[in-house]
């Protein structure tokens, strides 16, 4: 380990999802200018063949790749607890699949300088968010009706089984997959889902996932949000 790495703290292990191409080589080379960053590039096919055993801190993925079902399913189902940064996000729209990533922490528009990627990673590593103003506004508006803390979920009338099923819903599992995992009939899972919908005051799977997974990713803290180069407090009391 270099002296610079020792002085600056622990390594940040980064998983860059993408094919071996000029773009991914360029990103990896730029990131490795920071001696704390240890970047591994893998294609989605390589990741599907073997779930990563390395304790990555951050996943970096292009928005276009995230829209592919295989990549999205891998991030949501296989590594739901790793912070996600999405780059090359169109600046003219906020209706994107990235909002369904439970651990989305950073968003970089397609016209953003590569220099901001390192700053984004450092912010996410310190527990903050790095979000463009429009994206933050979209998240605030979309999740306002579903604001619910983990404490409220734990103190609700959800049974142990309903909480288990809710966790799997957030990971994107189907009713049949949940039934097979819990060794129960699919009809039993449907009954539990109907009951937890009523208790959470939601009417569909999408609302239940939004209500629970977004606040789960925030870890009940009020992290700093970087907006257009400035830092502001992302206060969840504003969601009430």
Protein backbone atom coordinates (compact mmCIF):
# COMPACT_ATOMS: atom_id res chain seq x y z
CA UNK A 1 0.00 0.00 0.00
CA UNK A 2 1.37 3.44 -0.94
CA UNK A 3 2.05 6.18 1.59
CA UNK A 4 -0.69 8.27 0.01
CA UNK A 5 -3.24 5.49 0.44
CA UNK A 6 -2.22 4.98 4.06
CA UNK A 7 -2.61 8.64 4.87
CA UNK A 8 -5.97 9.08 3.15
CA UNK A 9 -7.71 6.12 4.79
CA UNK A 10 -9.11 2.78 3.73
CA UNK A 11 -9.47 1.64 0.15
CA UNK A 12 -12.72 2.16 -1.71
CA UNK A 13 -13.54 -0.95 -3.71
CA UNK A 14 -15.51 -0.03 -6.80
CA UNK A 15 -17.40 -2.35 -9.14
CA UNK A 16 -17.69 -0.82 -12.61
CA UNK A 17 -20.35 -2.69 -14.58
CA UNK A 18 -19.76 -2.63 -18.32
CA UNK A 19 -18.24 -4.32 -21.32
CA UNK A 20 -14.55 -3.98 -22.16
CA UNK A 21 -14.64 -0.88 -24.33
CA UNK A 22 -12.99 2.52 -24.68
CA UNK A 23 -15.47 4.17 -22.34
CA UNK A 24 -15.06 1.70 -19.49
CA UNK A 25 -11.27 1.71 -19.89
CA UNK A 26 -11.26 5.49 -19.72
CA UNK A 27 -13.44 5.58 -16.59
CA UNK A 28 -11.35 2.93 -14.84
CA UNK A 29 -8.10 4.73 -15.71
CA UNK A 30 -9.45 8.05 -14.41
CA UNK A 31 -10.67 6.51 -11.16
CA UNK A 32 -7.39 4.80 -10.48
CA UNK A 33 -5.63 8.15 -10.44
CA UNK A 34 -7.00 8.27 -6.90
CA UNK A 35 -4.87 5.73 -5.02
CA UNK A 36 -7.72 4.96 -2.61
CA UNK A 37 -9.94 3.70 -5.43
CA UNK A 38 -9.56 0.04 -6.39
CA UNK A 39 -11.73 -0.48 -9.44
CA UNK A 40 -12.82 -3.80 -10.91
CA UNK A 41 -14.66 -3.91 -14.23
CA UNK A 42 -17.03 -6.76 -14.98
CA UNK A 43 -19.67 -7.31 -17.64
CA UNK A 44 -23.17 -8.28 -16.59
CA UNK A 45 -22.56 -11.76 -18.05
CA UNK A 46 -19.53 -12.23 -15.78
CA UNK A 47 -21.53 -11.06 -12.77
CA UNK A 48 -24.41 -13.41 -13.53
CA UNK A 49 -22.00 -16.32 -13.66
CA UNK A 50 -20.72 -15.61 -10.16
CA UNK A 51 -22.09 -13.24 -7.50
CA UNK A 52 -19.24 -10.93 -6.37
CA UNK A 53 -17.47 -12.14 -3.25
CA UNK A 54 -15.42 -8.95 -2.89
CA UNK A 55 -17.02 -6.49 -0.43
CA UNK A 56 -17.52 -3.65 -2.89
CA UNK A 57 -18.42 -0.25 -1.48
CA UNK A 58 -19.87 1.27 -4.63
CA UNK A 59 -21.34 0.11 -7.93
CA UNK A 60 -20.97 2.38 -10.97
CA UNK A 61 -23.18 1.73 -13.99
CA UNK A 62 -24.27 3.61 -17.10
CA UNK A 63 -27.94 4.58 -17.28
CA UNK A 64 -28.36 2.84 -20.64
CA UNK A 65 -27.04 -0.43 -19.19
CA UNK A 66 -29.25 -0.11 -16.13
CA UNK A 67 -32.33 -0.12 -18.37
CA UNK A 68 -31.49 -3.65 -19.45
CA UNK A 69 -33.43 -6.13 -17.36
CA UNK A 70 -30.50 -8.45 -16.58
CA UNK A 71 -28.42 -5.61 -15.18
CA UNK A 72 -31.29 -4.08 -13.20
CA UNK A 73 -32.25 -7.46 -11.71
CA UNK A 74 -28.66 -8.15 -10.70
CA UNK A 75 -28.33 -4.84 -8.84
CA UNK A 76 -31.73 -5.06 -7.13
CA UNK A 77 -31.74 -8.77 -6.28
CA UNK A 78 -28.11 -9.87 -5.95
CA UNK A 79 -26.40 -6.82 -4.41
CA UNK A 80 -29.21 -4.67 -2.94
CA UNK A 81 -27.05 -3.33 -0.10
CA UNK A 82 -24.27 -1.81 -2.21
CA UNK A 83 -24.50 1.92 -2.96
CA UNK A 84 -25.21 2.66 -6.63
CA UNK A 85 -23.99 5.55 -8.78
CA UNK A 86 -25.53 5.93 -12.25
CA UNK A 87 -23.82 8.01 -14.93
CA UNK A 88 -24.81 9.25 -18.40
CA UNK A 89 -28.32 10.03 -17.16
CA UNK A 90 -30.29 12.22 -19.61
CA UNK A 91 -30.75 15.72 -18.22
CA UNK A 92 -34.10 16.27 -19.93
CA UNK A 93 -36.11 13.57 -18.17
CA UNK A 94 -36.71 12.23 -14.67
CA UNK A 95 -38.93 9.28 -15.60
CA UNK A 96 -36.21 6.67 -15.29
CA UNK A 97 -35.72 3.12 -14.04
CA UNK A 98 -32.93 4.28 -11.77
CA UNK A 99 -35.52 5.50 -9.26
CA UNK A 100 -36.39 1.88 -8.52
CA UNK A 101 -32.86 1.09 -7.30
CA UNK A 102 -33.24 0.79 -3.51
CA UNK A 103 -29.69 2.00 -2.86
CA UNK A 104 -29.38 4.77 -5.45
CA UNK A 105 -26.99 7.35 -4.00
CA UNK A 106 -25.45 9.21 -6.94
CA UNK A 107 -26.62 10.48 -10.34
CA UNK A 108 -24.41 12.09 -12.99
CA UNK A 109 -25.85 13.61 -16.15
CA UNK A 110 -24.48 12.64 -19.55
CA UNK A 111 -22.80 16.04 -20.01
CA UNK A 112 -21.01 15.92 -16.63
CA UNK A 113 -17.23 16.16 -16.52
CA UNK A 114 -15.38 12.96 -15.55
CA UNK A 115 -13.82 14.94 -12.69
CA UNK A 116 -17.15 14.93 -10.87
CA UNK A 117 -17.26 11.13 -10.75
CA UNK A 118 -14.50 10.94 -8.13
CA UNK A 119 -16.16 13.67 -6.09
CA UNK A 120 -19.46 11.82 -6.31
CA UNK A 121 -17.85 8.58 -5.06
CA UNK A 122 -16.22 10.38 -2.14
CA UNK A 123 -19.56 11.96 -1.19
CA UNK A 124 -21.39 8.63 -1.32
CA UNK A 125 -18.62 6.94 0.67
CA UNK A 126 -19.08 9.51 3.43
CA UNK A 127 -22.81 8.74 3.62
CA UNK A 128 -24.06 11.61 1.48
CA UNK A 129 -26.10 11.79 -1.72
CA UNK A 130 -24.97 13.31 -5.03
CA UNK A 131 -28.11 14.28 -6.90
CA UNK A 132 -28.96 16.84 -9.60
CA UNK A 133 -31.66 19.30 -8.54
CA UNK A 134 -34.34 17.81 -10.83
CA UNK A 135 -33.64 14.30 -9.59
CA UNK A 136 -33.86 15.35 -5.95
CA UNK A 137 -37.14 17.18 -6.65
CA UNK A 138 -38.50 14.07 -8.39
CA UNK A 139 -37.62 11.89 -5.41
CA UNK A 140 -39.18 14.31 -2.93
CA UNK A 141 -42.41 14.57 -4.91
CA UNK A 142 -42.72 10.86 -5.69
CA UNK A 143 -42.05 9.63 -2.19
CA UNK A 144 -43.90 12.24 -0.19
CA UNK A 145 -47.12 10.14 -0.06
CA UNK A 146 -45.11 7.07 0.96
CA UNK A 147 -42.92 8.52 3.71
CA UNK A 148 -42.46 5.81 6.30
CA UNK A 149 -39.45 5.14 8.46
CA UNK A 150 -38.07 1.73 9.36
CA UNK A 151 -39.02 2.46 12.94
CA UNK A 152 -42.64 2.84 11.87
CA UNK A 153 -42.47 -0.42 9.93
CA UNK A 154 -40.97 -2.26 12.89
CA UNK A 155 -43.57 -0.79 15.23
CA UNK A 156 -46.47 -1.49 12.88
CA UNK A 157 -48.78 -4.45 13.13
CA UNK A 158 -46.91 -6.36 10.41
CA UNK A 159 -46.30 -9.94 11.41
CA UNK A 160 -42.86 -11.53 11.17
CA UNK A 161 -43.89 -13.33 7.98
CA UNK A 162 -45.29 -10.14 6.43
CA UNK A 163 -42.01 -8.34 7.13
CA UNK A 164 -40.11 -11.21 5.49
CA UNK A 165 -42.30 -10.97 2.41
CA UNK A 166 -41.99 -7.18 2.29
CA UNK A 167 -38.19 -7.51 2.29
CA UNK A 168 -38.38 -9.85 -0.70
CA UNK A 169 -40.81 -7.57 -2.54
CA UNK A 170 -38.27 -4.77 -2.22
CA UNK A 171 -35.63 -7.06 -3.77
CA UNK A 172 -37.93 -7.55 -6.79
CA UNK A 173 -38.87 -11.17 -6.19
CA UNK A 174 -42.09 -12.53 -7.67
CA UNK A 175 -44.84 -14.17 -5.61
CA UNK A 176 -43.73 -17.59 -6.83
CA UNK A 177 -40.07 -16.94 -5.97
CA UNK A 178 -41.05 -15.80 -2.48
CA UNK A 179 -43.24 -18.87 -2.01
CA UNK A 180 -40.40 -21.20 -3.02
CA UNK A 181 -37.95 -19.41 -0.71
CA UNK A 182 -40.31 -19.59 2.29
CA UNK A 183 -41.59 -23.09 1.46
CA UNK A 184 -45.24 -22.01 1.35
CA UNK A 185 -47.95 -21.99 -1.29
CA UNK A 186 -48.11 -19.06 -3.69
CA UNK A 187 -51.68 -18.40 -2.55
CA UNK A 188 -50.38 -17.98 1.02
CA UNK A 189 -47.91 -15.36 -0.17
CA UNK A 190 -50.72 -13.51 -1.96
CA UNK A 191 -52.78 -13.49 1.23
CA UNK A 192 -49.88 -12.03 3.24
CA UNK A 193 -49.25 -9.40 0.56
CA UNK A 194 -52.90 -8.34 0.60
CA UNK A 195 -52.76 -7.91 4.39
CA UNK A 196 -49.51 -5.92 4.40
CA UNK A 197 -50.87 -3.65 1.64
CA UNK A 198 -53.75 -2.75 3.94
CA UNK A 199 -51.48 -2.18 6.94
CA UNK A 200 -49.08 0.02 4.95
CA UNK A 201 -51.95 1.88 3.31
CA UNK A 202 -50.83 1.10 -0.24
CA UNK A 203 -52.72 -0.42 -3.12
CA UNK A 204 -50.06 -2.14 -5.22
CA UNK A 205 -46.58 -3.68 -5.22
CA UNK A 206 -44.97 -0.56 -6.71
CA UNK A 207 -46.26 1.64 -3.88
CA UNK A 208 -45.13 -0.84 -1.22
CA UNK A 209 -41.62 -0.98 -2.71
CA UNK A 210 -41.40 2.80 -3.03
CA UNK A 211 -42.66 3.34 0.49
CA UNK A 212 -40.23 0.95 2.12
CA UNK A 213 -37.10 0.69 -0.02
CA UNK A 214 -36.44 4.40 -0.51
CA UNK A 215 -36.38 5.12 3.21
CA UNK A 216 -34.49 1.92 3.88
CA UNK A 217 -31.71 3.17 1.61
CA UNK A 218 -31.54 6.42 3.58
CA UNK A 219 -30.75 4.46 6.78
CA UNK A 220 -32.82 6.89 8.89
CA UNK A 221 -30.13 9.55 8.73
CA UNK A 222 -30.29 13.00 7.22
CA UNK A 223 -27.36 12.84 4.78
CA UNK A 224 -25.89 15.73 2.89
CA UNK A 225 -27.08 16.14 -0.68
CA UNK A 226 -24.84 17.69 -3.29
CA UNK A 227 -26.87 19.76 -5.76
CA UNK A 228 -25.19 21.57 -8.63
CA UNK A 229 -21.90 21.75 -6.74
CA UNK A 230 -23.49 22.98 -3.51
CA UNK A 231 -24.21 20.99 -0.39
CA UNK A 232 -27.61 20.96 1.31
CA UNK A 233 -29.20 18.86 4.03
CA UNK A 234 -31.67 16.27 2.75
CA UNK A 235 -34.12 16.58 5.64
CA UNK A 236 -36.65 13.79 5.76
CA UNK A 237 -38.92 15.90 7.95
CA UNK A 238 -39.74 17.71 4.73
CA UNK A 239 -41.39 14.53 3.47
CA UNK A 240 -44.06 14.55 6.17
